[in-house]
Amino acid sequence: MRPKAPSRSPRQRFRPLLPVMLLVLGVALGLLWPSLHRSPLMLGQDASYPGARARASWSEQSGGVIDIRPTTGRAATLLIIYPGGLVRPQAYQWLGTALAPASVETVIVRFPLDLAVTGVGRADDVIARYAQGRPVYLAGHSLGGAMAAQYLSGAAAGKVTGLILMGAYPAGNVSLKAQTSLRVLDLLGEHDMVADASDVRGGLAGLPASTKLVTIEGSVHAFFGRYGPQKGDGVPTVSRADAEAQIVREVLTFLRKD
C-alpha cells in the first residue's frame, strides 16, 4: 500500500501563485493610481481672472466645497458646479472669480475620487445650505455635466432655475425635455475632441426645446477648467484667455436673463 503524500499547508499551496498575484496587483495599482492618488486641493491655485476679485473659502460641509463670493455684499444668484471626471474642484475657481463681481456666488463640489458619478445628488445639500431663497443654477463640465443633467431628471426637478453644460451632454437614458421651465445653456468647444460635437448636438434631443447651444470658437475640452492638456483633446486655435472670455460672456448673459 502506497503511503499517502504529506498534505501541504495553505501557505505551501498558494506559494507558486504568489508571483502571478503580485503581478496582477501591480498592474491593477498602476491602472488605478491616477484615480486613487489625487493631487492636494489648493485653494486659490491659478484662480485669478482679469479685472475680477472674489472671496474664496473651503468648507468640509456638504461633502467638501469651494465657496466663491463677491468681495462685498450678498450675491443675488447661486451657481453650483460639478467638476469633470478626475478633475480637482479648484480647476474651476477661475470661473467663480470671474462671475463674483456680477453678484454670483459659486459653489464647486468635491466628489470622492473626483468623480461626480459617486454623488449625483450632492446638489441637494448644497442647495439646502446655500440657496437661501436665491435662484439656483447648476453647471457641469464633461462627466460633471452628464451627472448634473441626471440629477435634474429626478426629484430635483423644480429646485434649479437653469443648467449650464460645458463640453457635456445628457446620458442616453436621461431626458429633461418635459421640463419646459428649465433654462439650459449648452457650451461646445469648437475643437473639443473629448465631447464630440455630434454627441453634444445629439444630446439636444434630451434637453428642453429652448436650450441655447453656443460654440466657443477655437476652444477645446480642457479650456473649461484649468487643469492642463487632456489626452485625446483637439488642438486649440485661440488662447486659453480668449476661450475663457467667451465662456464668461456667455454664462453671464445667460444668468442675467433670469
C-alpha atoms as a PDB file:
ATOM      1  CA  MET A   1       0.000   0.000   0.000  1.00  0.00           C
ATOM      2  CA  ARG A   2       1.478   3.337  -1.167  1.00  0.00           C
ATOM      3  CA  PRO A   3       1.969   5.764   1.700  1.00  0.00           C
ATOM      4  CA  LYS A   4      -0.058   8.972   1.489  1.00  0.00           C
ATOM      5  CA  ALA A   5       1.841  12.099   0.468  1.00  0.00           C
ATOM      6  CA  PRO A   6       2.056  14.579   3.293  1.00  0.00           C
ATOM      7  CA  SER A   7      -0.656  17.237   2.996  1.00  0.00           C
ATOM      8  CA  ARG A   8       0.516  20.740   2.176  1.00  0.00           C
ATOM      9  CA  SER A   9      -0.402  23.730   4.254  1.00  0.00           C
ATOM     10  CA  PRO A  10      -2.433  26.579   2.675  1.00  0.00           C
ATOM     11  CA  ARG A  11       0.745  28.655   2.586  1.00  0.00           C
ATOM     12  CA  GLN A  12       2.553  25.964   0.582  1.00  0.00           C
ATOM     13  CA  ARG A  13      -0.372  25.610  -1.847  1.00  0.00           C
ATOM     14  CA  PHE A  14      -0.558  29.330  -2.614  1.00  0.00           C
ATOM     15  CA  ARG A  15       3.199  29.966  -2.747  1.00  0.00           C
ATOM     16  CA  PRO A  16       3.527  29.107  -6.500  1.00  0.00           C
ATOM     17  CA  LEU A  17       0.733  31.587  -7.255  1.00  0.00           C
ATOM     18  CA  LEU A  18       2.352  34.442  -5.364  1.00  0.00           C
ATOM     19  CA  PRO A  19       4.362  35.874  -8.306  1.00  0.00           C
ATOM     20  CA  VAL A  20       1.250  35.904 -10.508  1.00  0.00           C
ATOM     21  CA  MET A  21      -0.837  37.532  -7.771  1.00  0.00           C
ATOM     22  CA  LEU A  22       1.806  40.211  -7.219  1.00  0.00           C
ATOM     23  CA  LEU A  23       1.952  40.888 -10.958  1.00  0.00           C
ATOM     24  CA  VAL A  24      -1.846  41.271 -11.179  1.00  0.00           C
ATOM     25  CA  LEU A  25      -1.834  43.524  -8.119  1.00  0.00           C
ATOM     26  CA  GLY A  26       0.917  45.683  -9.599  1.00  0.00           C
ATOM     27  CA  VAL A  27      -0.918  46.099 -12.896  1.00  0.00           C
ATOM     28  CA  ALA A  28      -4.175  46.942 -11.091  1.00  0.00           C
ATOM     29  CA  LEU A  29      -2.471  49.565  -8.937  1.00  0.00           C
ATOM     30  CA  GLY A  30      -0.805  51.042 -11.989  1.00  0.00           C
ATOM     31  CA  LEU A  31      -4.137  51.407 -13.768  1.00  0.00           C
ATOM     32  CA  LEU A  32      -5.983  52.745 -10.732  1.00  0.00           C
ATOM     33  CA  TRP A  33      -3.250  55.026  -9.409  1.00  0.00           C
ATOM     34  CA  PRO A  34      -4.371  58.131 -11.331  1.00  0.00           C
ATOM     35  CA  SER A  35      -7.811  57.746  -9.748  1.00  0.00           C
ATOM     36  CA  LEU A  36      -6.678  56.777  -6.253  1.00  0.00           C
ATOM     37  CA  HIS A  37      -3.896  59.363  -5.976  1.00  0.00           C
ATOM     38  CA  ARG A  38      -5.390  62.845  -6.096  1.00  0.00           C
ATOM     39  CA  SER A  39      -3.260  65.969  -6.026  1.00  0.00           C
ATOM     40  CA  PRO A  40      -3.751  68.218  -2.975  1.00  0.00           C
ATOM     41  CA  LEU A  41      -6.670  70.617  -3.065  1.00  0.00           C
ATOM     42  CA  MET A  42      -5.026  74.038  -3.159  1.00  0.00           C
ATOM     43  CA  LEU A  43      -7.428  76.945  -2.778  1.00  0.00           C
ATOM     44  CA  GLY A  44      -6.523  79.933  -4.948  1.00  0.00           C
ATOM     45  CA  GLN A  45      -4.188  77.983  -7.220  1.00  0.00           C
ATOM     46  CA  ASP A  46      -4.321  79.560 -10.707  1.00  0.00           C
ATOM     47  CA  ALA A  47      -7.692  81.112  -9.840  1.00  0.00           C
ATOM     48  CA  SER A  48      -7.306  84.735 -10.933  1.00  0.00           C
ATOM     49  CA  TYR A  49      -9.296  86.356 -13.724  1.00  0.00           C
ATOM     50  CA  PRO A  50      -8.530  89.739 -15.332  1.00  0.00           C
ATOM     51  CA  GLY A  51     -10.385  92.592 -13.657  1.00  0.00           C
ATOM     52  CA  ALA A  52     -12.208  90.358 -11.158  1.00  0.00           C
ATOM     53  CA  ARG A  53     -11.866  89.833  -7.421  1.00  0.00           C
ATOM     54  CA  ALA A  54     -13.618  87.402  -5.113  1.00  0.00           C
ATOM     55  CA  ARG A  55     -13.523  85.841  -1.667  1.00  0.00           C
ATOM     56  CA  ALA A  56     -12.919  82.092  -1.680  1.00  0.00           C
ATOM     57  CA  SER A  57     -13.076  79.604   1.179  1.00  0.00           C
ATOM     58  CA  TRP A  58     -13.006  75.862   1.676  1.00  0.00           C
ATOM     59  CA  SER A  59     -15.633  74.061   3.741  1.00  0.00           C
ATOM     60  CA  GLU A  60     -15.890  70.394   4.680  1.00  0.00           C
ATOM     61  CA  GLN A  61     -19.650  70.816   4.970  1.00  0.00           C
ATOM     62  CA  SER A  62     -21.862  69.453   2.213  1.00  0.00           C
ATOM     63  CA  GLY A  63     -19.180  66.850   1.490  1.00  0.00           C
ATOM     64  CA  GLY A  64     -16.492  69.447   0.772  1.00  0.00           C
ATOM     65  CA  VAL A  65     -16.972  72.578  -1.347  1.00  0.00           C
ATOM     66  CA  ILE A  66     -15.137  75.656  -2.554  1.00  0.00           C
ATOM     67  CA  ASP A  67     -17.320  78.702  -1.907  1.00  0.00           C
ATOM     68  CA  ILE A  68     -16.547  81.788  -4.012  1.00  0.00           C
ATOM     69  CA  ARG A  69     -18.372  85.044  -3.219  1.00  0.00           C
ATOM     70  CA  PRO A  70     -18.280  88.715  -4.185  1.00  0.00           C
ATOM     71  CA  THR A  71     -15.860  90.767  -2.080  1.00  0.00           C
ATOM     72  CA  THR A  72     -18.745  92.834  -0.696  1.00  0.00           C
ATOM     73  CA  GLY A  73     -22.451  92.259  -0.255  1.00  0.00           C
ATOM     74  CA  ARG A  74     -24.603  89.187  -0.748  1.00  0.00           C
ATOM     75  CA  ALA A  75     -24.737  87.545  -4.163  1.00  0.00           C
ATOM     76  CA  ALA A  76     -28.082  87.541  -5.948  1.00  0.00           C
ATOM     77  CA  THR A  77     -27.558  84.176  -7.687  1.00  0.00           C
ATOM     78  CA  LEU A  78     -26.145  80.801  -6.645  1.00  0.00           C
ATOM     79  CA  LEU A  79     -24.221  78.686  -9.151  1.00  0.00           C
ATOM     80  CA  ILE A  80     -23.232  75.102  -8.275  1.00  0.00           C
ATOM     81  CA  ILE A  81     -20.503  73.426 -10.341  1.00  0.00           C
ATOM     82  CA  TYR A  82     -19.980  69.686 -10.817  1.00  0.00           C
ATOM     83  CA  PRO A  83     -16.341  69.209 -11.987  1.00  0.00           C
ATOM     84  CA  GLY A  84     -15.293  66.952 -14.845  1.00  0.00           C
ATOM     85  CA  GLY A  85     -14.154  63.386 -14.218  1.00  0.00           C
ATOM     86  CA  LEU A  86     -10.860  63.149 -12.284  1.00  0.00           C
ATOM     87  CA  VAL A  87     -10.553  66.959 -12.262  1.00  0.00           C
ATOM     88  CA  ARG A  88      -9.838  68.695  -8.964  1.00  0.00           C
ATOM     89  CA  PRO A  89     -12.501  71.259  -7.968  1.00  0.00           C
ATOM     90  CA  GLN A  90     -10.032  74.156  -7.846  1.00  0.00           C
ATOM     91  CA  ALA A  91      -9.700  73.909 -11.638  1.00  0.00           C
ATOM     92  CA  TYR A  92     -12.978  75.849 -11.888  1.00  0.00           C
ATOM     93  CA  GLN A  93     -12.235  78.504  -9.271  1.00  0.00           C
ATOM     94  CA  TRP A  94     -11.255  80.895 -12.064  1.00  0.00           C
ATOM     95  CA  LEU A  95     -14.862  80.864 -13.304  1.00  0.00           C
ATOM     96  CA  GLY A  96     -16.255  81.626  -9.861  1.00  0.00           C
ATOM     97  CA  THR A  97     -13.791  84.506  -9.568  1.00  0.00           C
ATOM     98  CA  ALA A  98     -14.866  85.873 -12.943  1.00  0.00           C
ATOM     99  CA  LEU A  99     -18.577  85.722 -12.034  1.00  0.00           C
ATOM    100  CA  ALA A 100     -18.339  87.119  -8.493  1.00  0.00           C
ATOM    101  CA  PRO A 101     -18.383  90.826  -9.489  1.00  0.00           C
ATOM    102  CA  ALA A 102     -21.717  90.143 -11.246  1.00  0.00           C
ATOM    103  CA  SER A 103     -23.273  89.161  -7.887  1.00  0.00           C
ATOM    104  CA  VAL A 104     -22.879  85.398  -8.395  1.00  0.00           C
ATOM    105  CA  GLU A 105     -21.854  83.042  -5.594  1.00  0.00           C
ATOM    106  CA  THR A 106     -20.236  79.890  -6.977  1.00  0.00           C
ATOM    107  CA  VAL A 107     -20.035  76.648  -5.005  1.00  0.00           C
ATOM    108  CA  ILE A 108     -17.790  73.964  -6.514  1.00  0.00           C
ATOM    109  CA  VAL A 109     -18.454  70.456  -5.252  1.00  0.00           C
ATOM    110  CA  ARG A 110     -15.723  67.955  -4.377  1.00  0.00           C
ATOM    111  CA  PHE A 111     -16.591  64.316  -5.114  1.00  0.00           C
ATOM    112  CA  PRO A 112     -14.913  61.120  -3.897  1.00  0.00           C
ATOM    113  CA  LEU A 113     -12.109  60.271  -6.352  1.00  0.00           C
ATOM    114  CA  ASP A 114     -13.152  63.452  -8.221  1.00  0.00           C
ATOM    115  CA  LEU A 115     -15.940  61.551  -9.969  1.00  0.00           C
ATOM    116  CA  ALA A 116     -19.416  63.125  -9.942  1.00  0.00           C
ATOM    117  CA  VAL A 117     -20.939  59.695 -10.534  1.00  0.00           C
ATOM    118  CA  THR A 118     -20.126  58.916  -6.871  1.00  0.00           C
ATOM    119  CA  GLY A 119     -22.522  61.597  -5.608  1.00  0.00           C
ATOM    120  CA  VAL A 120     -25.059  62.688  -8.225  1.00  0.00           C
ATOM    121  CA  GLY A 121     -27.412  64.082  -5.593  1.00  0.00           C
ATOM    122  CA  ARG A 122     -24.832  66.222  -3.789  1.00  0.00           C
ATOM    123  CA  ALA A 123     -26.511  69.399  -5.039  1.00  0.00           C
ATOM    124  CA  ASP A 124     -29.404  68.690  -2.644  1.00  0.00           C
ATOM    125  CA  ASP A 125     -27.328  69.523   0.419  1.00  0.00           C
ATOM    126  CA  VAL A 126     -25.614  72.468  -1.269  1.00  0.00           C
ATOM    127  CA  ILE A 127     -28.973  73.981  -2.223  1.00  0.00           C
ATOM    128  CA  ALA A 128     -30.354  73.459   1.279  1.00  0.00           C
ATOM    129  CA  ARG A 129     -27.308  75.129   2.833  1.00  0.00           C
ATOM    130  CA  TYR A 130     -26.520  77.918   0.387  1.00  0.00           C
ATOM    131  CA  ALA A 131     -29.576  78.866  -1.707  1.00  0.00           C
ATOM    132  CA  GLN A 132     -31.355  80.987   0.913  1.00  0.00           C
ATOM    133  CA  GLY A 133     -34.194  81.894  -1.432  1.00  0.00           C
ATOM    134  CA  ARG A 134     -31.969  82.860  -4.369  1.00  0.00           C
ATOM    135  CA  PRO A 135     -32.287  81.424  -7.904  1.00  0.00           C
ATOM    136  CA  VAL A 136     -30.050  78.370  -8.290  1.00  0.00           C
ATOM    137  CA  TYR A 137     -28.170  77.337 -11.419  1.00  0.00           C
ATOM    138  CA  LEU A 138     -26.318  74.049 -11.826  1.00  0.00           C
ATOM    139  CA  ALA A 139     -23.293  73.756 -14.132  1.00  0.00           C
ATOM    140  CA  GLY A 140     -21.243  70.731 -15.058  1.00  0.00           C
ATOM    141  CA  HIS A 141     -18.183  70.043 -17.169  1.00  0.00           C
ATOM    142  CA  SER A 142     -17.853  66.766 -19.086  1.00  0.00           C
ATOM    143  CA  LEU A 143     -18.857  63.893 -16.757  1.00  0.00           C
ATOM    144  CA  GLY A 144     -19.970  66.515 -14.240  1.00  0.00           C
ATOM    145  CA  GLY A 145     -22.387  67.902 -16.825  1.00  0.00           C
ATOM    146  CA  ALA A 146     -23.849  64.474 -17.546  1.00  0.00           C
ATOM    147  CA  MET A 147     -24.350  63.894 -13.811  1.00  0.00           C
ATOM    148  CA  ALA A 148     -25.888  67.361 -13.371  1.00  0.00           C
ATOM    149  CA  ALA A 149     -28.427  66.507 -16.057  1.00  0.00           C
ATOM    150  CA  GLN A 150     -29.124  63.170 -14.378  1.00  0.00           C
ATOM    151  CA  TYR A 151     -29.662  64.951 -11.062  1.00  0.00           C
ATOM    152  CA  LEU A 152     -32.226  67.258 -12.640  1.00  0.00           C
ATOM    153  CA  SER A 153     -34.080  64.344 -14.251  1.00  0.00           C
ATOM    154  CA  GLY A 154     -35.119  63.042 -10.842  1.00  0.00           C
ATOM    155  CA  ALA A 155     -36.775  64.506  -7.780  1.00  0.00           C
ATOM    156  CA  ALA A 156     -34.619  67.629  -8.119  1.00  0.00           C
ATOM    157  CA  ALA A 157     -36.873  68.997 -10.860  1.00  0.00           C
ATOM    158  CA  GLY A 158     -38.068  72.446  -9.797  1.00  0.00           C
ATOM    159  CA  LYS A 159     -35.214  73.138  -7.387  1.00  0.00           C
ATOM    160  CA  VAL A 160     -32.991  74.614 -10.089  1.00  0.00           C
ATOM    161  CA  THR A 161     -33.692  77.525 -12.434  1.00  0.00           C
ATOM    162  CA  GLY A 162     -31.153  76.632 -15.090  1.00  0.00           C
ATOM    163  CA  LEU A 163     -28.494  74.197 -16.268  1.00  0.00           C
ATOM    164  CA  ILE A 164     -25.149  75.034 -17.881  1.00  0.00           C
ATOM    165  CA  LEU A 165     -23.438  72.203 -19.762  1.00  0.00           C
ATOM    166  CA  MET A 166     -19.765  72.689 -20.595  1.00  0.00           C
ATOM    167  CA  GLY A 167     -18.461  70.136 -23.059  1.00  0.00           C
ATOM    168  CA  ALA A 168     -21.183  67.786 -21.862  1.00  0.00           C
ATOM    169  CA  TYR A 169     -24.487  66.180 -22.797  1.00  0.00           C
ATOM    170  CA  PRO A 170     -27.141  64.080 -21.029  1.00  0.00           C
ATOM    171  CA  ALA A 171     -26.798  60.308 -20.976  1.00  0.00           C
ATOM    172  CA  GLY A 172     -28.991  58.478 -23.473  1.00  0.00           C
ATOM    173  CA  ASN A 173     -31.472  57.416 -20.798  1.00  0.00           C
ATOM    174  CA  VAL A 174     -31.854  60.943 -19.374  1.00  0.00           C
ATOM    175  CA  SER A 175     -34.440  63.406 -20.679  1.00  0.00           C
ATOM    176  CA  LEU A 176     -35.185  66.912 -19.450  1.00  0.00           C
ATOM    177  CA  LYS A 177     -37.338  67.715 -22.464  1.00  0.00           C
ATOM    178  CA  ALA A 178     -40.568  67.916 -20.476  1.00  0.00           C
ATOM    179  CA  GLN A 179     -39.073  70.480 -18.077  1.00  0.00           C
ATOM    180  CA  THR A 180     -40.077  73.443 -20.215  1.00  0.00           C
ATOM    181  CA  SER A 181     -39.400  75.971 -17.436  1.00  0.00           C
ATOM    182  CA  LEU A 182     -35.780  74.813 -17.093  1.00  0.00           C
ATOM    183  CA  ARG A 183     -33.368  77.164 -18.863  1.00  0.00           C
ATOM    184  CA  VAL A 184     -30.355  75.429 -20.441  1.00  0.00           C
ATOM    185  CA  LEU A 185     -27.112  76.815 -21.861  1.00  0.00           C
ATOM    186  CA  ASP A 186     -25.061  74.240 -23.785  1.00  0.00           C
ATOM    187  CA  LEU A 187     -21.440  75.259 -24.422  1.00  0.00           C
ATOM    188  CA  LEU A 188     -19.456  73.385 -27.066  1.00  0.00           C
ATOM    189  CA  GLY A 189     -15.729  73.802 -27.699  1.00  0.00           C
ATOM    190  CA  GLU A 190     -15.123  74.167 -31.438  1.00  0.00           C
ATOM    191  CA  HIS A 191     -12.157  71.764 -31.353  1.00  0.00           C
ATOM    192  CA  ASP A 192     -13.328  69.616 -28.435  1.00  0.00           C
ATOM    193  CA  MET A 193     -12.429  66.024 -29.282  1.00  0.00           C
ATOM    194  CA  VAL A 194     -13.444  64.598 -25.887  1.00  0.00           C
ATOM    195  CA  ALA A 195     -17.077  65.682 -26.011  1.00  0.00           C
ATOM    196  CA  ASP A 196     -17.501  65.311 -29.758  1.00  0.00           C
ATOM    197  CA  ALA A 197     -19.683  67.937 -31.466  1.00  0.00           C
ATOM    198  CA  SER A 198     -22.018  65.282 -32.890  1.00  0.00           C
ATOM    199  CA  ASP A 199     -22.553  63.836 -29.402  1.00  0.00           C
ATOM    200  CA  VAL A 200     -23.222  67.266 -27.889  1.00  0.00           C
ATOM    201  CA  ARG A 201     -25.692  68.131 -30.641  1.00  0.00           C
ATOM    202  CA  GLY A 202     -27.261  64.691 -30.314  1.00  0.00           C
ATOM    203  CA  GLY A 203     -27.744  65.391 -26.622  1.00  0.00           C
ATOM    204  CA  LEU A 204     -30.104  68.234 -27.505  1.00  0.00           C
ATOM    205  CA  ALA A 205     -32.750  65.551 -28.035  1.00  0.00           C
ATOM    206  CA  GLY A 206     -32.861  65.114 -24.254  1.00  0.00           C
ATOM    207  CA  LEU A 207     -32.978  68.835 -23.433  1.00  0.00           C
ATOM    208  CA  PRO A 208     -35.800  71.413 -23.498  1.00  0.00           C
ATOM    209  CA  ALA A 209     -36.548  72.918 -26.913  1.00  0.00           C
ATOM    210  CA  SER A 210     -35.473  76.344 -25.629  1.00  0.00           C
ATOM    211  CA  THR A 211     -31.888  75.147 -24.980  1.00  0.00           C
ATOM    212  CA  LYS A 212     -29.284  77.577 -26.288  1.00  0.00           C
ATOM    213  CA  LEU A 213     -26.316  75.861 -27.941  1.00  0.00           C
ATOM    214  CA  VAL A 214     -23.222  78.082 -28.226  1.00  0.00           C
ATOM    215  CA  THR A 215     -19.885  77.182 -29.804  1.00  0.00           C
ATOM    216  CA  ILE A 216     -16.822  78.548 -28.018  1.00  0.00           C
ATOM    217  CA  GLU A 217     -14.725  79.421 -31.045  1.00  0.00           C
ATOM    218  CA  GLY A 218     -11.283  77.859 -31.248  1.00  0.00           C
ATOM    219  CA  SER A 219     -11.662  76.206 -27.833  1.00  0.00           C
ATOM    220  CA  VAL A 220     -11.019  72.645 -26.652  1.00  0.00           C
ATOM    221  CA  HIS A 221     -12.406  70.461 -23.867  1.00  0.00           C
ATOM    222  CA  ALA A 222      -9.695  71.342 -21.342  1.00  0.00           C
ATOM    223  CA  PHE A 223     -10.285  75.104 -21.643  1.00  0.00           C
ATOM    224  CA  PHE A 224     -13.390  74.900 -19.439  1.00  0.00           C
ATOM    225  CA  GLY A 225     -11.162  74.160 -16.444  1.00  0.00           C
ATOM    226  CA  ARG A 226      -7.582  74.964 -15.564  1.00  0.00           C
ATOM    227  CA  TYR A 227      -6.067  71.511 -15.239  1.00  0.00           C
ATOM    228  CA  GLY A 228      -3.691  71.333 -18.204  1.00  0.00           C
ATOM    229  CA  PRO A 229      -3.960  69.480 -21.515  1.00  0.00           C
ATOM    230  CA  GLN A 230      -6.214  66.438 -21.755  1.00  0.00           C
ATOM    231  CA  LYS A 231      -5.396  63.242 -23.592  1.00  0.00           C
ATOM    232  CA  GLY A 232      -7.389  62.857 -26.790  1.00  0.00           C
ATOM    233  CA  ASP A 233      -8.426  66.506 -26.909  1.00  0.00           C
ATOM    234  CA  GLY A 234      -8.231  68.679 -30.011  1.00  0.00           C
ATOM    235  CA  VAL A 235      -5.801  71.466 -30.828  1.00  0.00           C
ATOM    236  CA  PRO A 236      -6.981  74.967 -29.871  1.00  0.00           C
ATOM    237  CA  THR A 237      -6.835  77.838 -32.350  1.00  0.00           C
ATOM    238  CA  VAL A 238      -7.303  80.547 -29.705  1.00  0.00           C
ATOM    239  CA  SER A 239      -5.505  81.265 -26.450  1.00  0.00           C
ATOM    240  CA  ARG A 240      -6.932  79.979 -23.190  1.00  0.00           C
ATOM    241  CA  ALA A 241      -7.589  83.598 -22.171  1.00  0.00           C
ATOM    242  CA  ASP A 242      -9.690  84.198 -25.293  1.00  0.00           C
ATOM    243  CA  ALA A 243     -11.666  80.987 -24.749  1.00  0.00           C
ATOM    244  CA  GLU A 244     -12.298  81.838 -21.093  1.00  0.00           C
ATOM    245  CA  ALA A 245     -13.500  85.320 -22.050  1.00  0.00           C
ATOM    246  CA  GLN A 246     -16.041  83.754 -24.408  1.00  0.00           C
ATOM    247  CA  ILE A 247     -17.186  81.303 -21.709  1.00  0.00           C
ATOM    248  CA  VAL A 248     -17.613  84.058 -19.109  1.00  0.00           C
ATOM    249  CA  ARG A 249     -19.504  86.278 -21.554  1.00  0.00           C
ATOM    250  CA  GLU A 250     -21.957  83.520 -22.465  1.00  0.00           C
ATOM    251  CA  VAL A 251     -22.506  82.412 -18.861  1.00  0.00           C
ATOM    252  CA  LEU A 252     -23.072  85.987 -17.658  1.00  0.00           C
ATOM    253  CA  THR A 253     -25.526  86.695 -20.482  1.00  0.00           C
ATOM    254  CA  PHE A 254     -27.408  83.510 -19.599  1.00  0.00           C
ATOM    255  CA  LEU A 255     -27.555  84.273 -15.853  1.00  0.00           C
ATOM    256  CA  ARG A 256     -28.608  87.905 -16.353  1.00  0.00           C
ATOM    257  CA  LYS A 257     -31.729  86.826 -18.234  1.00  0.00           C
ATOM    258  CA  ASP A 258     -33.156  85.345 -15.041  1.00  0.00           C
END
